[in-house]
Full PDB file with SEQRES, HELIX, SHEET, SSBOND, CRYST1, ORIGX, SCALE, CONECT and MASTER records, all heavy atoms in Angstrom:
SEQRES   1 A   31  HIS ARG LEU PRO ARG ALA SER ALA VAL ILE ALA LEU ASN          
SEQRES   2 A   31  ASP PRO GLU THR LEU VAL PRO ILE ALA ILE MET ASP GLY          
SEQRES   3 A   31  THR VAL ILE SER ALA                                          
HELIX    1 AA1 THR A   27  SER A   30  1                                   4    
SHEET    1 AA1 2 VAL A   9  ASN A  13  0                                        
SHEET    2 AA1 2 PRO A  20  ASP A  25 -1                                        
CRYST1    1.000    1.000    1.000  90.00  90.00  90.00 P 1           1          
ORIGX1      1.000000  0.000000  0.000000        0.00000                         
ORIGX2      0.000000  1.000000  0.000000        0.00000                         
ORIGX3      0.000000  0.000000  1.000000        0.00000                         
SCALE1      1.000000  0.000000  0.000000        0.00000                         
SCALE2      0.000000  1.000000  0.000000        0.00000                         
SCALE3      0.000000  0.000000  1.000000        0.00000                         
ATOM      1  N   HIS A   1     -52.133 -31.879   1.220  1.00  0.00           N  
ATOM      2  CA  HIS A   1     -51.421 -33.093   1.518  1.00  0.00           C  
ATOM      3  C   HIS A   1     -50.115 -32.890   2.257  1.00  0.00           C  
ATOM      4  O   HIS A   1     -49.423 -33.847   2.587  1.00  0.00           O  
ATOM      5  CB  HIS A   1     -51.097 -33.868   0.200  1.00  0.00           C  
ATOM      6  CG  HIS A   1     -52.315 -34.202  -0.610  1.00  0.00           C  
ATOM      7  ND1 HIS A   1     -53.259 -35.103  -0.204  1.00  0.00           N  
ATOM      8  CD2 HIS A   1     -52.738 -33.728  -1.824  1.00  0.00           C  
ATOM      9  CE1 HIS A   1     -54.201 -35.225  -1.113  1.00  0.00           C  
ATOM     10  NE2 HIS A   1     -53.926 -34.377  -2.087  1.00  0.00           N  
ATOM     11  N   ARG A   2     -49.726 -31.623   2.533  1.00  0.00           N  
ATOM     12  CA  ARG A   2     -48.462 -31.324   3.179  1.00  0.00           C  
ATOM     13  C   ARG A   2     -47.295 -31.925   2.386  1.00  0.00           C  
ATOM     14  O   ARG A   2     -46.361 -32.469   2.948  1.00  0.00           O  
ATOM     15  CB  ARG A   2     -48.449 -31.789   4.646  1.00  0.00           C  
ATOM     16  CG  ARG A   2     -49.533 -31.223   5.549  1.00  0.00           C  
ATOM     17  CD  ARG A   2     -49.362 -29.681   5.652  1.00  0.00           C  
ATOM     18  NE  ARG A   2     -48.083 -29.306   6.306  1.00  0.00           N  
ATOM     19  CZ  ARG A   2     -47.626 -28.095   6.322  1.00  0.00           C  
ATOM     20  NH1 ARG A   2     -48.253 -27.101   5.704  1.00  0.00           N  
ATOM     21  NH2 ARG A   2     -46.480 -27.835   6.954  1.00  0.00           N  
ATOM     22  N   LEU A   3     -47.376 -31.763   1.056  1.00  0.00           N  
ATOM     23  CA  LEU A   3     -46.353 -32.221   0.170  1.00  0.00           C  
ATOM     24  C   LEU A   3     -45.857 -31.023  -0.664  1.00  0.00           C  
ATOM     25  O   LEU A   3     -46.605 -30.068  -0.851  1.00  0.00           O  
ATOM     26  CB  LEU A   3     -46.895 -33.310  -0.783  1.00  0.00           C  
ATOM     27  CG  LEU A   3     -47.224 -34.676  -0.138  1.00  0.00           C  
ATOM     28  CD1 LEU A   3     -47.982 -35.543  -1.164  1.00  0.00           C  
ATOM     29  CD2 LEU A   3     -45.968 -35.396   0.259  1.00  0.00           C  
ATOM     30  N   PRO A   4     -44.647 -31.109  -1.203  1.00  0.00           N  
ATOM     31  CA  PRO A   4     -44.189 -30.026  -2.066  1.00  0.00           C  
ATOM     32  C   PRO A   4     -45.069 -29.895  -3.300  1.00  0.00           C  
ATOM     33  O   PRO A   4     -45.578 -30.931  -3.842  1.00  0.00           O  
ATOM     34  CB  PRO A   4     -42.777 -30.480  -2.485  1.00  0.00           C  
ATOM     35  CG  PRO A   4     -42.375 -31.445  -1.427  1.00  0.00           C  
ATOM     36  CD  PRO A   4     -43.602 -32.132  -0.992  1.00  0.00           C  
ATOM     37  N   ARG A   5     -45.215 -28.674  -3.772  1.00  0.00           N  
ATOM     38  CA  ARG A   5     -45.978 -28.439  -4.990  1.00  0.00           C  
ATOM     39  C   ARG A   5     -45.383 -29.187  -6.187  1.00  0.00           C  
ATOM     40  O   ARG A   5     -46.050 -29.816  -6.978  1.00  0.00           O  
ATOM     41  CB  ARG A   5     -46.042 -26.932  -5.315  1.00  0.00           C  
ATOM     42  CG  ARG A   5     -46.788 -26.584  -6.591  1.00  0.00           C  
ATOM     43  CD  ARG A   5     -46.632 -25.109  -6.930  1.00  0.00           C  
ATOM     44  NE  ARG A   5     -47.337 -24.761  -8.148  1.00  0.00           N  
ATOM     45  CZ  ARG A   5     -48.582 -24.273  -8.243  1.00  0.00           C  
ATOM     46  NH1 ARG A   5     -49.286 -24.072  -7.124  1.00  0.00           N  
ATOM     47  NH2 ARG A   5     -49.123 -23.999  -9.393  1.00  0.00           N  
ATOM     48  N   ALA A   6     -44.044 -29.097  -6.276  1.00  0.00           N  
ATOM     49  CA  ALA A   6     -43.302 -29.744  -7.415  1.00  0.00           C  
ATOM     50  C   ALA A   6     -42.548 -30.963  -6.907  1.00  0.00           C  
ATOM     51  O   ALA A   6     -41.974 -30.956  -5.831  1.00  0.00           O  
ATOM     52  CB  ALA A   6     -42.343 -28.754  -8.070  1.00  0.00           C  
ATOM     53  N   SER A   7     -42.513 -32.000  -7.746  1.00  0.00           N  
ATOM     54  CA  SER A   7     -41.702 -33.191  -7.477  1.00  0.00           C  
ATOM     55  C   SER A   7     -41.188 -33.714  -8.810  1.00  0.00           C  
ATOM     56  O   SER A   7     -41.919 -33.660  -9.814  1.00  0.00           O  
ATOM     57  CB  SER A   7     -42.500 -34.234  -6.709  1.00  0.00           C  
ATOM     58  OG  SER A   7     -43.687 -34.592  -7.441  1.00  0.00           O  
ATOM     59  N   ALA A   8     -40.036 -34.272  -8.808  1.00  0.00           N  
ATOM     60  CA  ALA A   8     -39.452 -34.700 -10.084  1.00  0.00           C  
ATOM     61  C   ALA A   8     -38.476 -35.834  -9.929  1.00  0.00           C  
ATOM     62  O   ALA A   8     -37.899 -36.039  -8.856  1.00  0.00           O  
ATOM     63  CB  ALA A   8     -38.699 -33.522 -10.739  1.00  0.00           C  
ATOM     64  N   VAL A   9     -38.302 -36.590 -11.017  1.00  0.00           N  
ATOM     65  CA  VAL A   9     -37.218 -37.566 -11.123  1.00  0.00           C  
ATOM     66  C   VAL A   9     -36.519 -37.283 -12.440  1.00  0.00           C  
ATOM     67  O   VAL A   9     -37.116 -36.764 -13.375  1.00  0.00           O  
ATOM     68  CB  VAL A   9     -37.721 -39.055 -11.109  1.00  0.00           C  
ATOM     69  CG1 VAL A   9     -38.276 -39.433  -9.730  1.00  0.00           C  
ATOM     70  CG2 VAL A   9     -38.735 -39.282 -12.172  1.00  0.00           C  
ATOM     71  N   ILE A  10     -35.197 -37.583 -12.432  1.00  0.00           N  
ATOM     72  CA  ILE A  10     -34.388 -37.467 -13.653  1.00  0.00           C  
ATOM     73  C   ILE A  10     -33.735 -38.810 -13.923  1.00  0.00           C  
ATOM     74  O   ILE A  10     -33.228 -39.475 -12.975  1.00  0.00           O  
ATOM     75  CB  ILE A  10     -33.323 -36.371 -13.482  1.00  0.00           C  
ATOM     76  CG1 ILE A  10     -33.962 -34.999 -13.376  1.00  0.00           C  
ATOM     77  CG2 ILE A  10     -32.336 -36.377 -14.660  1.00  0.00           C  
ATOM     78  CD1 ILE A  10     -32.998 -33.876 -13.080  1.00  0.00           C  
ATOM     79  N   ALA A  11     -33.821 -39.238 -15.130  1.00  0.00           N  
ATOM     80  CA  ALA A  11     -33.132 -40.443 -15.575  1.00  0.00           C  
ATOM     81  C   ALA A  11     -32.021 -40.075 -16.554  1.00  0.00           C  
ATOM     82  O   ALA A  11     -32.240 -39.292 -17.503  1.00  0.00           O  
ATOM     83  CB  ALA A  11     -34.080 -41.423 -16.234  1.00  0.00           C  
ATOM     84  N   LEU A  12     -30.835 -40.584 -16.349  1.00  0.00           N  
ATOM     85  CA  LEU A  12     -29.689 -40.411 -17.249  1.00  0.00           C  
ATOM     86  C   LEU A  12     -29.368 -41.698 -17.965  1.00  0.00           C  
ATOM     87  O   LEU A  12     -29.551 -42.795 -17.392  1.00  0.00           O  
ATOM     88  CB  LEU A  12     -28.464 -39.941 -16.493  1.00  0.00           C  
ATOM     89  CG  LEU A  12     -28.466 -38.589 -15.799  1.00  0.00           C  
ATOM     90  CD1 LEU A  12     -27.175 -38.391 -15.069  1.00  0.00           C  
ATOM     91  CD2 LEU A  12     -28.712 -37.488 -16.805  1.00  0.00           C  
ATOM     92  N   ASN A  13     -28.947 -41.566 -19.195  1.00  0.00           N  
ATOM     93  CA  ASN A  13     -28.521 -42.720 -20.005  1.00  0.00           C  
ATOM     94  C   ASN A  13     -27.064 -42.561 -20.401  1.00  0.00           C  
ATOM     95  O   ASN A  13     -26.545 -41.434 -20.434  1.00  0.00           O  
ATOM     96  CB  ASN A  13     -29.362 -42.845 -21.268  1.00  0.00           C  
ATOM     97  CG  ASN A  13     -30.818 -43.073 -21.011  1.00  0.00           C  
ATOM     98  OD1 ASN A  13     -31.504 -42.244 -20.501  1.00  0.00           O  
ATOM     99  ND2 ASN A  13     -31.288 -44.268 -21.331  1.00  0.00           N  
ATOM    100  N   ASP A  14     -26.393 -43.681 -20.590  1.00  0.00           N  
ATOM    101  CA  ASP A  14     -25.028 -43.584 -21.080  1.00  0.00           C  
ATOM    102  C   ASP A  14     -25.021 -42.958 -22.488  1.00  0.00           C  
ATOM    103  O   ASP A  14     -25.786 -43.365 -23.349  1.00  0.00           O  
ATOM    104  CB  ASP A  14     -24.424 -45.007 -21.172  1.00  0.00           C  
ATOM    105  CG  ASP A  14     -23.010 -45.032 -21.605  1.00  0.00           C  
ATOM    106  OD1 ASP A  14     -22.778 -44.860 -22.827  1.00  0.00           O  
ATOM    107  OD2 ASP A  14     -22.120 -45.202 -20.776  1.00  0.00           O  
ATOM    108  N   PRO A  15     -24.202 -41.935 -22.682  1.00  0.00           N  
ATOM    109  CA  PRO A  15     -24.282 -41.203 -23.971  1.00  0.00           C  
ATOM    110  C   PRO A  15     -23.847 -42.020 -25.198  1.00  0.00           C  
ATOM    111  O   PRO A  15     -24.218 -41.693 -26.306  1.00  0.00           O  
ATOM    112  CB  PRO A  15     -23.345 -40.001 -23.752  1.00  0.00           C  
ATOM    113  CG  PRO A  15     -22.428 -40.410 -22.638  1.00  0.00           C  
ATOM    114  CD  PRO A  15     -23.223 -41.326 -21.793  1.00  0.00           C  
ATOM    115  N   GLU A  16     -23.157 -43.135 -24.964  1.00  0.00           N  
ATOM    116  CA  GLU A  16     -22.762 -43.994 -26.095  1.00  0.00           C  
ATOM    117  C   GLU A  16     -23.695 -45.161 -26.285  1.00  0.00           C  
ATOM    118  O   GLU A  16     -24.255 -45.376 -27.370  1.00  0.00           O  
ATOM    119  CB  GLU A  16     -21.344 -44.482 -25.902  1.00  0.00           C  
ATOM    120  CG  GLU A  16     -20.857 -45.343 -27.083  1.00  0.00           C  
ATOM    121  CD  GLU A  16     -19.400 -45.848 -26.919  1.00  0.00           C  
ATOM    122  OE1 GLU A  16     -18.740 -45.386 -25.996  1.00  0.00           O  
ATOM    123  OE2 GLU A  16     -18.980 -46.704 -27.725  1.00  0.00           O  
ATOM    124  N   THR A  17     -23.927 -45.931 -25.266  1.00  0.00           N  
ATOM    125  CA  THR A  17     -24.768 -47.144 -25.369  1.00  0.00           C  
ATOM    126  C   THR A  17     -26.263 -46.826 -25.229  1.00  0.00           C  
ATOM    127  O   THR A  17     -27.084 -47.644 -25.602  1.00  0.00           O  
ATOM    128  CB  THR A  17     -24.414 -48.178 -24.278  1.00  0.00           C  
ATOM    129  OG1 THR A  17     -24.788 -47.650 -22.991  1.00  0.00           O  
ATOM    130  CG2 THR A  17     -22.909 -48.486 -24.291  1.00  0.00           C  
ATOM    131  N   LEU A  18     -26.581 -45.671 -24.626  1.00  0.00           N  
ATOM    132  CA  LEU A  18     -27.915 -45.247 -24.317  1.00  0.00           C  
ATOM    133  C   LEU A  18     -28.618 -46.123 -23.286  1.00  0.00           C  
ATOM    134  O   LEU A  18     -29.860 -45.996 -23.064  1.00  0.00           O  
ATOM    135  CB  LEU A  18     -28.756 -45.193 -25.608  1.00  0.00           C  
ATOM    136  CG  LEU A  18     -28.159 -44.319 -26.744  1.00  0.00           C  
ATOM    137  CD1 LEU A  18     -29.168 -44.219 -27.875  1.00  0.00           C  
ATOM    138  CD2 LEU A  18     -27.792 -42.930 -26.225  1.00  0.00           C  
ATOM    139  N   VAL A  19     -27.868 -46.962 -22.581  1.00  0.00           N  
ATOM    140  CA  VAL A  19     -28.424 -47.765 -21.482  1.00  0.00           C  
ATOM    141  C   VAL A  19     -28.586 -46.846 -20.278  1.00  0.00           C  
ATOM    142  O   VAL A  19     -27.777 -45.998 -19.996  1.00  0.00           O  
ATOM    143  CB  VAL A  19     -27.446 -48.949 -21.144  1.00  0.00           C  
ATOM    144  CG1 VAL A  19     -27.862 -49.662 -19.865  1.00  0.00           C  
ATOM    145  CG2 VAL A  19     -27.363 -49.912 -22.318  1.00  0.00           C  
ATOM    146  N   PRO A  20     -29.728 -47.016 -19.533  1.00  0.00           N  
ATOM    147  CA  PRO A  20     -29.893 -46.202 -18.315  1.00  0.00           C  
ATOM    148  C   PRO A  20     -28.764 -46.400 -17.328  1.00  0.00           C  
ATOM    149  O   PRO A  20     -28.333 -47.483 -17.091  1.00  0.00           O  
ATOM    150  CB  PRO A  20     -31.243 -46.679 -17.758  1.00  0.00           C  
ATOM    151  CG  PRO A  20     -31.942 -47.303 -18.944  1.00  0.00           C  
ATOM    152  CD  PRO A  20     -30.876 -47.871 -19.800  1.00  0.00           C  
ATOM    153  N   ILE A  21     -28.271 -45.268 -16.749  1.00  0.00           N  
ATOM    154  CA  ILE A  21     -27.192 -45.364 -15.745  1.00  0.00           C  
ATOM    155  C   ILE A  21     -27.542 -44.756 -14.423  1.00  0.00           C  
ATOM    156  O   ILE A  21     -26.869 -45.011 -13.446  1.00  0.00           O  
ATOM    157  CB  ILE A  21     -25.907 -44.735 -16.303  1.00  0.00           C  
ATOM    158  CG1 ILE A  21     -26.170 -43.249 -16.757  1.00  0.00           C  
ATOM    159  CG2 ILE A  21     -25.327 -45.565 -17.466  1.00  0.00           C  
ATOM    160  CD1 ILE A  21     -24.909 -42.502 -17.114  1.00  0.00           C  
ATOM    161  N   ALA A  22     -28.573 -43.885 -14.383  1.00  0.00           N  
ATOM    162  CA  ALA A  22     -28.896 -43.237 -13.103  1.00  0.00           C  
ATOM    163  C   ALA A  22     -30.348 -42.829 -13.062  1.00  0.00           C  
ATOM    164  O   ALA A  22     -30.929 -42.449 -14.102  1.00  0.00           O  
ATOM    165  CB  ALA A  22     -28.021 -42.000 -12.874  1.00  0.00           C  
ATOM    166  N   ILE A  23     -30.883 -42.909 -11.866  1.00  0.00           N  
ATOM    167  CA  ILE A  23     -32.226 -42.361 -11.564  1.00  0.00           C  
ATOM    168  C   ILE A  23     -32.073 -41.558 -10.281  1.00  0.00           C  
ATOM    169  O   ILE A  23     -31.549 -42.085  -9.327  1.00  0.00           O  
ATOM    170  CB  ILE A  23     -33.289 -43.447 -11.414  1.00  0.00           C  
ATOM    171  CG1 ILE A  23     -33.435 -44.277 -12.666  1.00  0.00           C  
ATOM    172  CG2 ILE A  23     -34.634 -42.833 -11.003  1.00  0.00           C  
ATOM    173  CD1 ILE A  23     -34.325 -45.486 -12.543  1.00  0.00           C  
ATOM    174  N   MET A  24     -32.529 -40.336 -10.313  1.00  0.00           N  
ATOM    175  CA  MET A  24     -32.298 -39.483  -9.111  1.00  0.00           C  
ATOM    176  C   MET A  24     -33.462 -38.506  -8.901  1.00  0.00           C  
ATOM    177  O   MET A  24     -34.256 -38.272  -9.801  1.00  0.00           O  
ATOM    178  CB  MET A  24     -31.021 -38.678  -9.296  1.00  0.00           C  
ATOM    179  CG  MET A  24     -31.064 -37.598 -10.388  1.00  0.00           C  
ATOM    180  SD  MET A  24     -29.419 -36.854 -10.638  1.00  0.00           S  
ATOM    181  CE  MET A  24     -28.620 -38.201 -11.534  1.00  0.00           C  
ATOM    182  N   ASP A  25     -33.500 -38.053  -7.642  1.00  0.00           N  
ATOM    183  CA  ASP A  25     -34.485 -36.929  -7.357  1.00  0.00           C  
ATOM    184  C   ASP A  25     -34.147 -35.787  -8.278  1.00  0.00           C  
ATOM    185  O   ASP A  25     -32.983 -35.356  -8.394  1.00  0.00           O  
ATOM    186  CB  ASP A  25     -34.362 -36.505  -5.907  1.00  0.00           C  
ATOM    187  CG  ASP A  25     -35.153 -35.275  -5.606  1.00  0.00           C  
ATOM    188  OD1 ASP A  25     -36.369 -35.368  -5.537  1.00  0.00           O  
ATOM    189  OD2 ASP A  25     -34.502 -34.170  -5.531  1.00  0.00           O  
ATOM    190  N   GLY A  26     -35.171 -35.198  -8.889  1.00  0.00           N  
ATOM    191  CA  GLY A  26     -34.980 -34.085  -9.788  1.00  0.00           C  
ATOM    192  C   GLY A  26     -35.480 -32.766  -9.251  1.00  0.00           C  
ATOM    193  O   GLY A  26     -35.315 -31.729  -9.886  1.00  0.00           O  
ATOM    194  N   THR A  27     -36.138 -32.800  -8.079  1.00  0.00           N  
ATOM    195  CA  THR A  27     -36.735 -31.579  -7.586  1.00  0.00           C  
ATOM    196  C   THR A  27     -35.713 -30.509  -7.233  1.00  0.00           C  
ATOM    197  O   THR A  27     -35.848 -29.337  -7.599  1.00  0.00           O  
ATOM    198  CB  THR A  27     -37.602 -31.921  -6.310  1.00  0.00           C  
ATOM    199  OG1 THR A  27     -38.413 -33.052  -6.603  1.00  0.00           O  
ATOM    200  CG2 THR A  27     -38.423 -30.757  -5.870  1.00  0.00           C  
ATOM    201  N   VAL A  28     -34.665 -30.960  -6.555  1.00  0.00           N  
ATOM    202  CA  VAL A  28     -33.634 -29.965  -6.145  1.00  0.00           C  
ATOM    203  C   VAL A  28     -32.844 -29.565  -7.398  1.00  0.00           C  
ATOM    204  O   VAL A  28     -32.522 -28.331  -7.550  1.00  0.00           O  
ATOM    205  CB  VAL A  28     -32.704 -30.616  -5.104  1.00  0.00           C  
ATOM    206  CG1 VAL A  28     -31.456 -29.700  -4.810  1.00  0.00           C  
ATOM    207  CG2 VAL A  28     -33.463 -30.842  -3.793  1.00  0.00           C  
ATOM    208  N   ILE A  29     -32.515 -30.423  -8.238  1.00  0.00           N  
ATOM    209  CA  ILE A  29     -31.798 -30.089  -9.520  1.00  0.00           C  
ATOM    210  C   ILE A  29     -32.595 -29.082 -10.294  1.00  0.00           C  
ATOM    211  O   ILE A  29     -32.034 -28.088 -10.853  1.00  0.00           O  
ATOM    212  CB  ILE A  29     -31.461 -31.371 -10.315  1.00  0.00           C  
ATOM    213  CG1 ILE A  29     -30.335 -32.088  -9.610  1.00  0.00           C  
ATOM    214  CG2 ILE A  29     -31.073 -30.982 -11.756  1.00  0.00           C  
ATOM    215  CD1 ILE A  29     -30.035 -33.463 -10.197  1.00  0.00           C  
ATOM    216  N   SER A  30     -33.905 -29.324 -10.400  1.00  0.00           N  
ATOM    217  CA  SER A  30     -34.734 -28.388 -11.188  1.00  0.00           C  
ATOM    218  C   SER A  30     -34.725 -26.995 -10.594  1.00  0.00           C  
ATOM    219  O   SER A  30     -34.560 -26.005 -11.308  1.00  0.00           O  
ATOM    220  CB  SER A  30     -36.165 -28.953 -11.235  1.00  0.00           C  
ATOM    221  OG  SER A  30     -36.978 -28.154 -12.100  1.00  0.00           O  
ATOM    222  N   ALA A  31     -34.857 -26.895  -9.303  1.00  0.00           N  
ATOM    223  CA  ALA A  31     -34.819 -25.575  -8.650  1.00  0.00           C  
ATOM    224  C   ALA A  31     -33.463 -24.973  -8.740  1.00  0.00           C  
ATOM    225  O   ALA A  31     -33.329 -23.752  -8.999  1.00  0.00           O  
ATOM    226  CB  ALA A  31     -35.220 -25.748  -7.184  1.00  0.00           C  
TER     227      ALA A  31                                                      
MASTER        0    0    0    1    2    0    0    6  226    1    0    3          
END                                                                             
């Protein structure tokens, strides 16, 4: 498919309210 072997997303939550605050590409962070 000419796509990367690995692909990822990361979701962060507020540490107090636990409400979602961010969604981001996780492939680069993982590597």
